[in-house]
Each structure stands twice: as structure tokens, then as C-alpha cells.
Amino acid sequence: MKKIATLSFVCIITAITLSLFSTTANSNPEGAPAGNTGSPADGTTCSKSGCHNGTPVTQAGIITSNVPKTGYLPGNTYNITVSLSGSGKKGFQVSPQDINGNVMGSLIAGTGTKILGTKYITHTAAKSTTSCTWTFQWIAPAAGKGAITFYGAFAITQDATKKSTLIIPEASTVQGVSNEANAKISVYPNPASDFIQIKLTDPISFGKAMLFDLSGKLVLTENFESNEFSMNVQSIPAGSYYLRVTDGQHQYFNHFVKK
């Protein structure tokens, strides 16, 4: 009887220990607490005491959207997708914020997601599949807000976390320009580090090409005398830029990334 009682006690203690370990290993299986996206205002991610361990690894491409490369239109609704892969229970928290922590636009929860307050969105249940996604919607803010940054923190396991951002430009510089006009200009290679080749389908013989940063500041201009020409971009910092080409009567827009 003593052996049976002792064995039962050991089993109970083991079960309690495993339960506590499981709780620790998946700190917030039903959603991360607000304020942990790693944004300048939040100042922290889920990699902290009482949540997850280690230092988060920065990885591009975790957050994606269906916003066109010309940028968002104020008041329009777009899909935002979080994609994670790896072995372990995965979760996330994302927020579109300005540098002061103000929410930019509105969030609409999708399947498997929920809103925290007004500016954070997170999972409702951690996912264990090797590759998993969550999709929710974002209503773009009023005109004049400029480029919007989505900040995100992501948990793969208790000791493996990541962080990522997605910058979405505002289409204010291309308002009133048709998609057909934008389709008449191509830029390659894109991204590029030294020169970009610009080609127009219209038979334009002269004009000016201008590069603007995401704040709308003009950073580079180039005159051209053919509908196919190159532009030296070695002098500008790495980042995303708007390209505007005009011959005085027509305007063409595209997006360029300097690496």
C-alpha cells in the first residue's frame, strides 16, 4: 500500500510540474497582452520576464498586405497577413502606430484574431502547425498621415521570438492618376543599389524624373531625352521611394527600393 501511495504521489507531483512547465512554455496561448509590439512607443516585445525568453530576431516579410505598391488610399480597407513557420506553438501581436504610439487607421479582426483596445491585434489561440497564417483587415487613416508602420512581435517557441515591421506608403502623391498611367512605367532592377533603368511605354522624348522619400521630400531629379533611360541612385540612403516621371503633360508613378 505504501508503494502504491508513494507512486500516486509522485505521479501527481509530476503532472503538476508538467502542467506548470506547459503554462510557462506557452505564456499567452489565447493572445498576447497589449503593448508588446516592439514599436518605439511600446518599447518592448514579448521577450521579457514572465513571457518569453531570449532576444527577438528581426526578420522581414512576416507582415504582408494587399496594399498596391503605389500606396494606400485613405479610408480604404486592406488585408494584412501574418505568416510564421517553425516547430512550436506560435502567436503574434501587431499594431499600426506613429512614433508616439497613436493608432493609425482602424483594425478589424479576422478568423483566429482579436482586437485589444483599439490599436493592437493578436491571436485567439496559439497555432502548432509548421506554417501558419492569420489575416485581418485594416482601414487606412485619413489623408495626410503619410507612411504607416505596422510593428509586430512573434513567438515561435518559449525561447524563439521574432520582430518585424511593414511600412505602407500613402498614395497621396498619386491621387488622380489612373492605374493605366502607372502601368505605363517600369523600373528595374528593383531593388537596386547603384542605377535603375526606367522605361515608358508612351513615346515621350523628354522630361524629368523625380524621386521622393516616404515623407514626400524630393531627394533626386534627373532630366531625360528618351522613353528609356537610367538614373543614378548611389547617392541616396537605403529605403523606399516614390518615382514620378513627367513630360509636362503626362505623369507616371512607380515605387522603388534602394538597397
C-alpha atoms as a PDB file:
ATOM      1  CA  MET A   1       0.000   0.000   0.000  1.00  0.00           C
ATOM      2  CA  LYS A   2       2.880   2.372   0.834  1.00  0.00           C
ATOM      3  CA  LYS A   3       4.439   1.779  -2.590  1.00  0.00           C
ATOM      4  CA  ILE A   4       1.118   2.481  -4.321  1.00  0.00           C
ATOM      5  CA  ALA A   5       0.562   5.633  -2.251  1.00  0.00           C
ATOM      6  CA  THR A   6       4.114   6.819  -2.949  1.00  0.00           C
ATOM      7  CA  LEU A   7       3.738   6.141  -6.667  1.00  0.00           C
ATOM      8  CA  SER A   8       0.441   8.009  -6.782  1.00  0.00           C
ATOM      9  CA  PHE A   9       2.015  10.988  -5.016  1.00  0.00           C
ATOM     10  CA  VAL A  10       4.927  11.023  -7.493  1.00  0.00           C
ATOM     11  CA  CYS A  11       2.504  10.888 -10.419  1.00  0.00           C
ATOM     12  CA  ILE A  12       0.505  13.809  -9.023  1.00  0.00           C
ATOM     13  CA  ILE A  13       3.635  15.903  -8.451  1.00  0.00           C
ATOM     14  CA  THR A  14       4.881  15.060 -11.973  1.00  0.00           C
ATOM     15  CA  ALA A  15       1.551  16.045 -13.502  1.00  0.00           C
ATOM     16  CA  ILE A  16       1.570  19.373 -11.641  1.00  0.00           C
ATOM     17  CA  THR A  17       5.161  20.049 -12.743  1.00  0.00           C
ATOM     18  CA  LEU A  18       4.375  19.286 -16.378  1.00  0.00           C
ATOM     19  CA  SER A  19       1.305  21.497 -16.208  1.00  0.00           C
ATOM     20  CA  LEU A  20       3.327  24.398 -14.838  1.00  0.00           C
ATOM     21  CA  PHE A  21       6.003  23.869 -17.490  1.00  0.00           C
ATOM     22  CA  SER A  22       3.387  23.842 -20.241  1.00  0.00           C
ATOM     23  CA  THR A  23       1.923  27.097 -18.935  1.00  0.00           C
ATOM     24  CA  THR A  24       5.364  28.691 -18.875  1.00  0.00           C
ATOM     25  CA  ALA A  25       6.285  27.440 -22.341  1.00  0.00           C
ATOM     26  CA  ASN A  26       3.159  28.965 -23.854  1.00  0.00           C
ATOM     27  CA  SER A  27       2.793  32.115 -21.791  1.00  0.00           C
ATOM     28  CA  ASN A  28      -0.182  33.590 -23.630  1.00  0.00           C
ATOM     29  CA  PRO A  29      -1.809  30.896 -25.781  1.00  0.00           C
ATOM     30  CA  GLU A  30      -5.019  32.954 -26.070  1.00  0.00           C
ATOM     31  CA  GLY A  31      -3.396  36.229 -27.094  1.00  0.00           C
ATOM     32  CA  ALA A  32      -0.526  38.484 -26.087  1.00  0.00           C
ATOM     33  CA  PRO A  33      -1.196  41.327 -23.625  1.00  0.00           C
ATOM     34  CA  ALA A  34      -1.338  44.800 -25.174  1.00  0.00           C
ATOM     35  CA  GLY A  35       1.771  46.929 -25.551  1.00  0.00           C
ATOM     36  CA  ASN A  36       4.362  44.390 -26.719  1.00  0.00           C
ATOM     37  CA  THR A  37       4.910  45.019 -30.445  1.00  0.00           C
ATOM     38  CA  GLY A  38       8.407  46.458 -30.123  1.00  0.00           C
ATOM     39  CA  SER A  39       7.296  49.830 -31.503  1.00  0.00           C
ATOM     40  CA  PRO A  40       9.130  52.981 -30.324  1.00  0.00           C
ATOM     41  CA  ALA A  41       6.195  53.767 -28.038  1.00  0.00           C
ATOM     42  CA  ASP A  42       5.768  50.223 -26.682  1.00  0.00           C
ATOM     43  CA  GLY A  43       9.491  49.819 -26.131  1.00  0.00           C
ATOM     44  CA  THR A  44       9.263  46.076 -25.569  1.00  0.00           C
ATOM     45  CA  THR A  45       8.227  42.792 -27.180  1.00  0.00           C
ATOM     46  CA  CYS A  46       7.032  39.505 -25.701  1.00  0.00           C
ATOM     47  CA  SER A  47      10.678  38.605 -24.970  1.00  0.00           C
ATOM     48  CA  LYS A  48      10.697  39.614 -21.324  1.00  0.00           C
ATOM     49  CA  SER A  49      10.381  38.214 -17.826  1.00  0.00           C
ATOM     50  CA  GLY A  50       7.129  36.330 -17.294  1.00  0.00           C
ATOM     51  CA  CYS A  51       6.511  35.867 -21.004  1.00  0.00           C
ATOM     52  CA  HIS A  52       9.180  34.565 -23.419  1.00  0.00           C
ATOM     53  CA  ASN A  53      12.943  34.207 -23.177  1.00  0.00           C
ATOM     54  CA  GLY A  54      15.857  35.335 -25.310  1.00  0.00           C
ATOM     55  CA  THR A  55      16.387  38.227 -27.678  1.00  0.00           C
ATOM     56  CA  PRO A  56      13.952  38.636 -30.595  1.00  0.00           C
ATOM     57  CA  VAL A  57      15.393  38.156 -34.086  1.00  0.00           C
ATOM     58  CA  THR A  58      14.469  40.792 -36.655  1.00  0.00           C
ATOM     59  CA  GLN A  59      13.005  39.212 -39.791  1.00  0.00           C
ATOM     60  CA  ALA A  60      11.493  40.967 -42.797  1.00  0.00           C
ATOM     61  CA  GLY A  61       8.413  39.691 -44.585  1.00  0.00           C
ATOM     62  CA  ILE A  62       6.424  38.331 -41.648  1.00  0.00           C
ATOM     63  CA  ILE A  63       3.774  41.040 -42.097  1.00  0.00           C
ATOM     64  CA  THR A  64       2.391  41.467 -45.613  1.00  0.00           C
ATOM     65  CA  SER A  65      -0.569  43.254 -47.182  1.00  0.00           C
ATOM     66  CA  ASN A  66      -2.566  43.602 -50.378  1.00  0.00           C
ATOM     67  CA  VAL A  67      -1.989  47.367 -50.487  1.00  0.00           C
ATOM     68  CA  PRO A  68      -0.780  48.237 -54.014  1.00  0.00           C
ATOM     69  CA  LYS A  69       2.806  49.425 -54.413  1.00  0.00           C
ATOM     70  CA  THR A  70       1.525  52.933 -55.139  1.00  0.00           C
ATOM     71  CA  GLY A  71       0.317  53.111 -51.518  1.00  0.00           C
ATOM     72  CA  TYR A  72      -2.910  53.086 -49.529  1.00  0.00           C
ATOM     73  CA  LEU A  73      -5.911  55.256 -50.291  1.00  0.00           C
ATOM     74  CA  PRO A  74      -7.408  56.987 -47.217  1.00  0.00           C
ATOM     75  CA  GLY A  75     -10.497  55.190 -45.898  1.00  0.00           C
ATOM     76  CA  ASN A  76      -9.969  52.056 -47.987  1.00  0.00           C
ATOM     77  CA  THR A  77      -9.949  48.604 -46.375  1.00  0.00           C
ATOM     78  CA  TYR A  78      -7.000  46.261 -46.923  1.00  0.00           C
ATOM     79  CA  ASN A  79      -5.963  42.765 -45.831  1.00  0.00           C
ATOM     80  CA  ILE A  80      -2.962  42.366 -43.524  1.00  0.00           C
ATOM     81  CA  THR A  81      -1.436  38.897 -43.123  1.00  0.00           C
ATOM     82  CA  VAL A  82       0.967  37.488 -40.531  1.00  0.00           C
ATOM     83  CA  SER A  83       2.916  34.384 -41.616  1.00  0.00           C
ATOM     84  CA  LEU A  84       5.013  32.247 -39.256  1.00  0.00           C
ATOM     85  CA  SER A  85       6.812  28.955 -39.646  1.00  0.00           C
ATOM     86  CA  GLY A  86       8.745  26.635 -37.377  1.00  0.00           C
ATOM     87  CA  SER A  87       8.244  23.938 -34.789  1.00  0.00           C
ATOM     88  CA  GLY A  88       6.329  25.129 -31.729  1.00  0.00           C
ATOM     89  CA  LYS A  89       3.212  26.968 -30.636  1.00  0.00           C
ATOM     90  CA  LYS A  90       3.104  30.285 -32.469  1.00  0.00           C
ATOM     91  CA  GLY A  91       1.405  33.590 -31.757  1.00  0.00           C
ATOM     92  CA  PHE A  92       1.702  37.292 -32.519  1.00  0.00           C
ATOM     93  CA  GLN A  93       0.801  40.877 -31.757  1.00  0.00           C
ATOM     94  CA  VAL A  94       0.697  43.664 -34.381  1.00  0.00           C
ATOM     95  CA  SER A  95      -0.146  47.362 -34.273  1.00  0.00           C
ATOM     96  CA  PRO A  96      -0.114  50.235 -36.833  1.00  0.00           C
ATOM     97  CA  GLN A  97       1.373  53.178 -34.928  1.00  0.00           C
ATOM     98  CA  ASP A  98       3.091  56.507 -35.363  1.00  0.00           C
ATOM     99  CA  ILE A  99       6.276  57.247 -33.429  1.00  0.00           C
ATOM    100  CA  ASN A 100       4.226  58.489 -30.451  1.00  0.00           C
ATOM    101  CA  GLY A 101       2.184  55.308 -30.235  1.00  0.00           C
ATOM    102  CA  ASN A 102      -1.038  56.671 -31.726  1.00  0.00           C
ATOM    103  CA  VAL A 103      -3.006  54.101 -33.698  1.00  0.00           C
ATOM    104  CA  MET A 104      -3.025  54.745 -37.433  1.00  0.00           C
ATOM    105  CA  GLY A 105      -6.290  53.673 -39.019  1.00  0.00           C
ATOM    106  CA  SER A 106      -8.658  51.009 -37.670  1.00  0.00           C
ATOM    107  CA  LEU A 107      -8.275  47.258 -37.202  1.00  0.00           C
ATOM    108  CA  ILE A 108     -10.907  44.617 -37.963  1.00  0.00           C
ATOM    109  CA  ALA A 109     -10.358  41.152 -36.504  1.00  0.00           C
ATOM    110  CA  GLY A 110     -10.413  38.108 -38.769  1.00  0.00           C
ATOM    111  CA  THR A 111     -10.607  34.387 -38.066  1.00  0.00           C
ATOM    112  CA  GLY A 112      -8.399  33.467 -35.121  1.00  0.00           C
ATOM    113  CA  THR A 113      -7.628  37.075 -34.143  1.00  0.00           C
ATOM    114  CA  LYS A 114      -8.956  39.637 -31.686  1.00  0.00           C
ATOM    115  CA  ILE A 115      -8.571  43.358 -31.010  1.00  0.00           C
ATOM    116  CA  LEU A 116      -7.023  44.610 -27.768  1.00  0.00           C
ATOM    117  CA  GLY A 117      -8.373  48.084 -27.048  1.00  0.00           C
ATOM    118  CA  THR A 118      -8.263  49.852 -30.396  1.00  0.00           C
ATOM    119  CA  LYS A 119      -4.671  49.600 -31.597  1.00  0.00           C
ATOM    120  CA  TYR A 120      -3.458  46.037 -31.035  1.00  0.00           C
ATOM    121  CA  ILE A 121      -4.425  42.768 -32.678  1.00  0.00           C
ATOM    122  CA  THR A 122      -3.337  39.304 -31.513  1.00  0.00           C
ATOM    123  CA  HIS A 123      -4.132  35.591 -31.860  1.00  0.00           C
ATOM    124  CA  THR A 124      -7.075  33.983 -30.068  1.00  0.00           C
ATOM    125  CA  ALA A 125      -5.330  30.604 -29.912  1.00  0.00           C
ATOM    126  CA  ALA A 126      -1.691  29.640 -30.491  1.00  0.00           C
ATOM    127  CA  LYS A 127      -1.098  27.541 -33.624  1.00  0.00           C
ATOM    128  CA  SER A 128       1.120  24.441 -33.697  1.00  0.00           C
ATOM    129  CA  THR A 129       1.235  23.757 -37.440  1.00  0.00           C
ATOM    130  CA  THR A 130       4.670  24.120 -39.051  1.00  0.00           C
ATOM    131  CA  SER A 131       3.445  27.008 -41.212  1.00  0.00           C
ATOM    132  CA  CYS A 132       0.530  29.183 -40.193  1.00  0.00           C
ATOM    133  CA  THR A 133      -1.085  32.488 -41.094  1.00  0.00           C
ATOM    134  CA  TRP A 134      -3.533  34.971 -39.639  1.00  0.00           C
ATOM    135  CA  THR A 135      -5.332  37.563 -41.773  1.00  0.00           C
ATOM    136  CA  PHE A 136      -7.171  40.634 -40.537  1.00  0.00           C
ATOM    137  CA  GLN A 137      -8.284  43.916 -42.066  1.00  0.00           C
ATOM    138  CA  TRP A 138      -7.040  47.469 -41.758  1.00  0.00           C
ATOM    139  CA  ILE A 139      -8.979  50.605 -42.637  1.00  0.00           C
ATOM    140  CA  ALA A 140      -6.480  53.232 -43.790  1.00  0.00           C
ATOM    141  CA  PRO A 141      -6.464  56.578 -41.931  1.00  0.00           C
ATOM    142  CA  ALA A 142      -7.494  59.988 -43.245  1.00  0.00           C
ATOM    143  CA  ALA A 143      -5.410  61.708 -45.903  1.00  0.00           C
ATOM    144  CA  GLY A 144      -2.167  63.363 -44.902  1.00  0.00           C
ATOM    145  CA  LYS A 145      -0.931  60.772 -42.398  1.00  0.00           C
ATOM    146  CA  GLY A 146       1.896  59.674 -44.677  1.00  0.00           C
ATOM    147  CA  ALA A 147       3.598  56.284 -44.500  1.00  0.00           C
ATOM    148  CA  ILE A 148       2.209  53.922 -41.840  1.00  0.00           C
ATOM    149  CA  THR A 149       4.386  51.428 -39.974  1.00  0.00           C
ATOM    150  CA  PHE A 150       2.983  48.133 -38.705  1.00  0.00           C
ATOM    151  CA  TYR A 151       5.027  46.854 -35.761  1.00  0.00           C
ATOM    152  CA  GLY A 152       4.871  43.200 -34.763  1.00  0.00           C
ATOM    153  CA  ALA A 153       6.242  40.750 -32.206  1.00  0.00           C
ATOM    154  CA  PHE A 154       6.045  37.000 -32.827  1.00  0.00           C
ATOM    155  CA  ALA A 155       6.564  33.880 -30.721  1.00  0.00           C
ATOM    156  CA  ILE A 156       7.641  30.584 -32.282  1.00  0.00           C
ATOM    157  CA  THR A 157       8.533  28.755 -29.055  1.00  0.00           C
ATOM    158  CA  GLN A 158       9.198  29.791 -25.471  1.00  0.00           C
ATOM    159  CA  ASP A 159      12.801  30.640 -26.389  1.00  0.00           C
ATOM    160  CA  ALA A 160      12.408  31.698 -30.041  1.00  0.00           C
ATOM    161  CA  THR A 161      10.826  35.064 -30.776  1.00  0.00           C
ATOM    162  CA  LYS A 162      10.961  37.478 -33.682  1.00  0.00           C
ATOM    163  CA  LYS A 163      10.039  41.052 -34.537  1.00  0.00           C
ATOM    164  CA  SER A 164       9.205  42.670 -37.842  1.00  0.00           C
ATOM    165  CA  THR A 165       7.786  45.815 -39.406  1.00  0.00           C
ATOM    166  CA  LEU A 166       5.833  46.658 -42.541  1.00  0.00           C
ATOM    167  CA  ILE A 167       5.884  50.202 -43.945  1.00  0.00           C
ATOM    168  CA  ILE A 168       2.945  51.139 -46.163  1.00  0.00           C
ATOM    169  CA  PRO A 169       3.196  54.460 -48.037  1.00  0.00           C
ATOM    170  CA  GLU A 170       0.257  56.776 -48.598  1.00  0.00           C
ATOM    171  CA  ALA A 171      -0.882  57.175 -52.194  1.00  0.00           C
ATOM    172  CA  SER A 172      -1.303  60.935 -51.773  1.00  0.00           C
ATOM    173  CA  THR A 173       1.380  61.663 -54.360  1.00  0.00           C
ATOM    174  CA  VAL A 174      -0.504  59.702 -56.971  1.00  0.00           C
ATOM    175  CA  GLN A 175      -4.093  60.796 -56.292  1.00  0.00           C
ATOM    176  CA  GLY A 176      -5.964  61.413 -59.502  1.00  0.00           C
ATOM    177  CA  VAL A 177      -3.581  59.301 -61.579  1.00  0.00           C
ATOM    178  CA  SER A 178      -5.114  56.219 -63.153  1.00  0.00           C
ATOM    179  CA  ASN A 179      -3.775  52.689 -62.738  1.00  0.00           C
ATOM    180  CA  GLU A 180      -3.338  52.675 -66.509  1.00  0.00           C
ATOM    181  CA  ALA A 181      -0.855  55.558 -66.258  1.00  0.00           C
ATOM    182  CA  ASN A 182       1.082  53.728 -63.526  1.00  0.00           C
ATOM    183  CA  ALA A 183       1.199  50.581 -65.667  1.00  0.00           C
ATOM    184  CA  LYS A 184       2.951  52.525 -68.435  1.00  0.00           C
ATOM    185  CA  ILE A 185       6.204  52.831 -66.473  1.00  0.00           C
ATOM    186  CA  SER A 186       8.589  50.085 -65.388  1.00  0.00           C
ATOM    187  CA  VAL A 187      11.633  50.258 -63.101  1.00  0.00           C
ATOM    188  CA  TYR A 188      14.388  47.643 -62.969  1.00  0.00           C
ATOM    189  CA  PRO A 189      16.283  46.285 -61.210  1.00  0.00           C
ATOM    190  CA  ASN A 190      14.105  46.865 -58.176  1.00  0.00           C
ATOM    191  CA  PRO A 191      15.569  46.847 -55.502  1.00  0.00           C
ATOM    192  CA  ALA A 192      18.820  48.343 -56.786  1.00  0.00           C
ATOM    193  CA  SER A 193      21.965  49.831 -55.269  1.00  0.00           C
ATOM    194  CA  ASP A 194      23.540  51.983 -57.993  1.00  0.00           C
ATOM    195  CA  PHE A 195      21.475  52.511 -61.164  1.00  0.00           C
ATOM    196  CA  ILE A 196      17.844  51.962 -62.106  1.00  0.00           C
ATOM    197  CA  GLN A 197      16.543  51.647 -65.630  1.00  0.00           C
ATOM    198  CA  ILE A 198      13.251  53.447 -66.327  1.00  0.00           C
ATOM    199  CA  LYS A 199      11.125  52.562 -69.314  1.00  0.00           C
ATOM    200  CA  LEU A 200       7.922  54.242 -70.512  1.00  0.00           C
ATOM    201  CA  THR A 201       5.555  52.630 -72.989  1.00  0.00           C
ATOM    202  CA  ASP A 202       4.441  56.050 -74.287  1.00  0.00           C
ATOM    203  CA  PRO A 203       6.683  57.674 -76.938  1.00  0.00           C
ATOM    204  CA  ILE A 204       7.967  60.506 -74.736  1.00  0.00           C
ATOM    205  CA  SER A 205      11.123  62.235 -75.960  1.00  0.00           C
ATOM    206  CA  PHE A 206      11.968  64.478 -72.998  1.00  0.00           C
ATOM    207  CA  GLY A 207      11.004  65.197 -69.405  1.00  0.00           C
ATOM    208  CA  LYS A 208      12.046  64.936 -65.781  1.00  0.00           C
ATOM    209  CA  ALA A 209      12.244  62.021 -63.330  1.00  0.00           C
ATOM    210  CA  MET A 210      11.960  62.713 -59.592  1.00  0.00           C
ATOM    211  CA  LEU A 211      12.450  60.533 -56.527  1.00  0.00           C
ATOM    212  CA  PHE A 212      10.592  61.315 -53.279  1.00  0.00           C
ATOM    213  CA  ASP A 213      11.112  59.657 -49.899  1.00  0.00           C
ATOM    214  CA  LEU A 214       8.124  58.374 -47.909  1.00  0.00           C
ATOM    215  CA  SER A 215       7.685  61.736 -46.186  1.00  0.00           C
ATOM    216  CA  GLY A 216       7.208  63.405 -49.566  1.00  0.00           C
ATOM    217  CA  LYS A 217      10.637  65.088 -49.668  1.00  0.00           C
ATOM    218  CA  LEU A 218      12.244  65.412 -53.099  1.00  0.00           C
ATOM    219  CA  VAL A 219      15.640  63.682 -52.919  1.00  0.00           C
ATOM    220  CA  LEU A 220      16.772  63.321 -56.543  1.00  0.00           C
ATOM    221  CA  THR A 221      15.924  64.637 -60.029  1.00  0.00           C
ATOM    222  CA  GLU A 222      17.079  63.593 -63.471  1.00  0.00           C
ATOM    223  CA  ASN A 223      16.286  65.046 -66.915  1.00  0.00           C
ATOM    224  CA  PHE A 224      15.801  62.583 -69.757  1.00  0.00           C
ATOM    225  CA  GLU A 225      15.513  62.714 -73.544  1.00  0.00           C
ATOM    226  CA  SER A 226      14.137  59.275 -74.341  1.00  0.00           C
ATOM    227  CA  ASN A 227      11.349  56.996 -73.137  1.00  0.00           C
ATOM    228  CA  GLU A 228      14.026  54.633 -71.797  1.00  0.00           C
ATOM    229  CA  PHE A 229      16.802  55.981 -69.576  1.00  0.00           C
ATOM    230  CA  SER A 230      18.866  55.249 -66.448  1.00  0.00           C
ATOM    231  CA  MET A 231      19.022  57.068 -63.126  1.00  0.00           C
ATOM    232  CA  ASN A 232      21.985  57.073 -60.735  1.00  0.00           C
ATOM    233  CA  VAL A 233      20.740  56.356 -57.190  1.00  0.00           C
ATOM    234  CA  GLN A 234      24.079  55.729 -55.478  1.00  0.00           C
ATOM    235  CA  SER A 235      23.887  58.979 -53.500  1.00  0.00           C
ATOM    236  CA  ILE A 236      20.578  58.353 -51.716  1.00  0.00           C
ATOM    237  CA  PRO A 237      20.193  56.327 -48.484  1.00  0.00           C
ATOM    238  CA  ALA A 238      18.720  52.833 -48.483  1.00  0.00           C
ATOM    239  CA  GLY A 239      14.948  52.845 -48.241  1.00  0.00           C
ATOM    240  CA  SER A 240      11.680  53.085 -50.181  1.00  0.00           C
ATOM    241  CA  TYR A 241      10.974  55.882 -52.644  1.00  0.00           C
ATOM    242  CA  TYR A 242       8.271  57.157 -54.974  1.00  0.00           C
ATOM    243  CA  LEU A 243       9.281  57.714 -58.592  1.00  0.00           C
ATOM    244  CA  ARG A 244       7.459  60.424 -60.538  1.00  0.00           C
ATOM    245  CA  VAL A 245       8.123  60.975 -64.236  1.00  0.00           C
ATOM    246  CA  THR A 246       6.564  63.811 -66.232  1.00  0.00           C
ATOM    247  CA  ASP A 247       6.911  65.463 -69.611  1.00  0.00           C
ATOM    248  CA  GLY A 248       4.834  68.453 -68.545  1.00  0.00           C
ATOM    249  CA  GLN A 249       1.584  66.977 -69.861  1.00  0.00           C
ATOM    250  CA  HIS A 250       1.564  63.419 -68.517  1.00  0.00           C
ATOM    251  CA  GLN A 251       2.568  61.935 -65.172  1.00  0.00           C
ATOM    252  CA  TYR A 252       3.745  58.406 -64.398  1.00  0.00           C
ATOM    253  CA  PHE A 253       4.356  56.902 -60.966  1.00  0.00           C
ATOM    254  CA  ASN A 254       6.098  53.863 -59.587  1.00  0.00           C
ATOM    255  CA  HIS A 255       7.775  52.652 -56.412  1.00  0.00           C
ATOM    256  CA  PHE A 256      11.483  51.990 -55.973  1.00  0.00           C
ATOM    257  CA  VAL A 257      13.568  50.419 -53.199  1.00  0.00           C
ATOM    258  CA  LYS A 258      17.226  51.388 -52.712  1.00  0.00           C
ATOM    259  CA  LYS A 259      19.224  48.638 -51.046  1.00  0.00           C
END
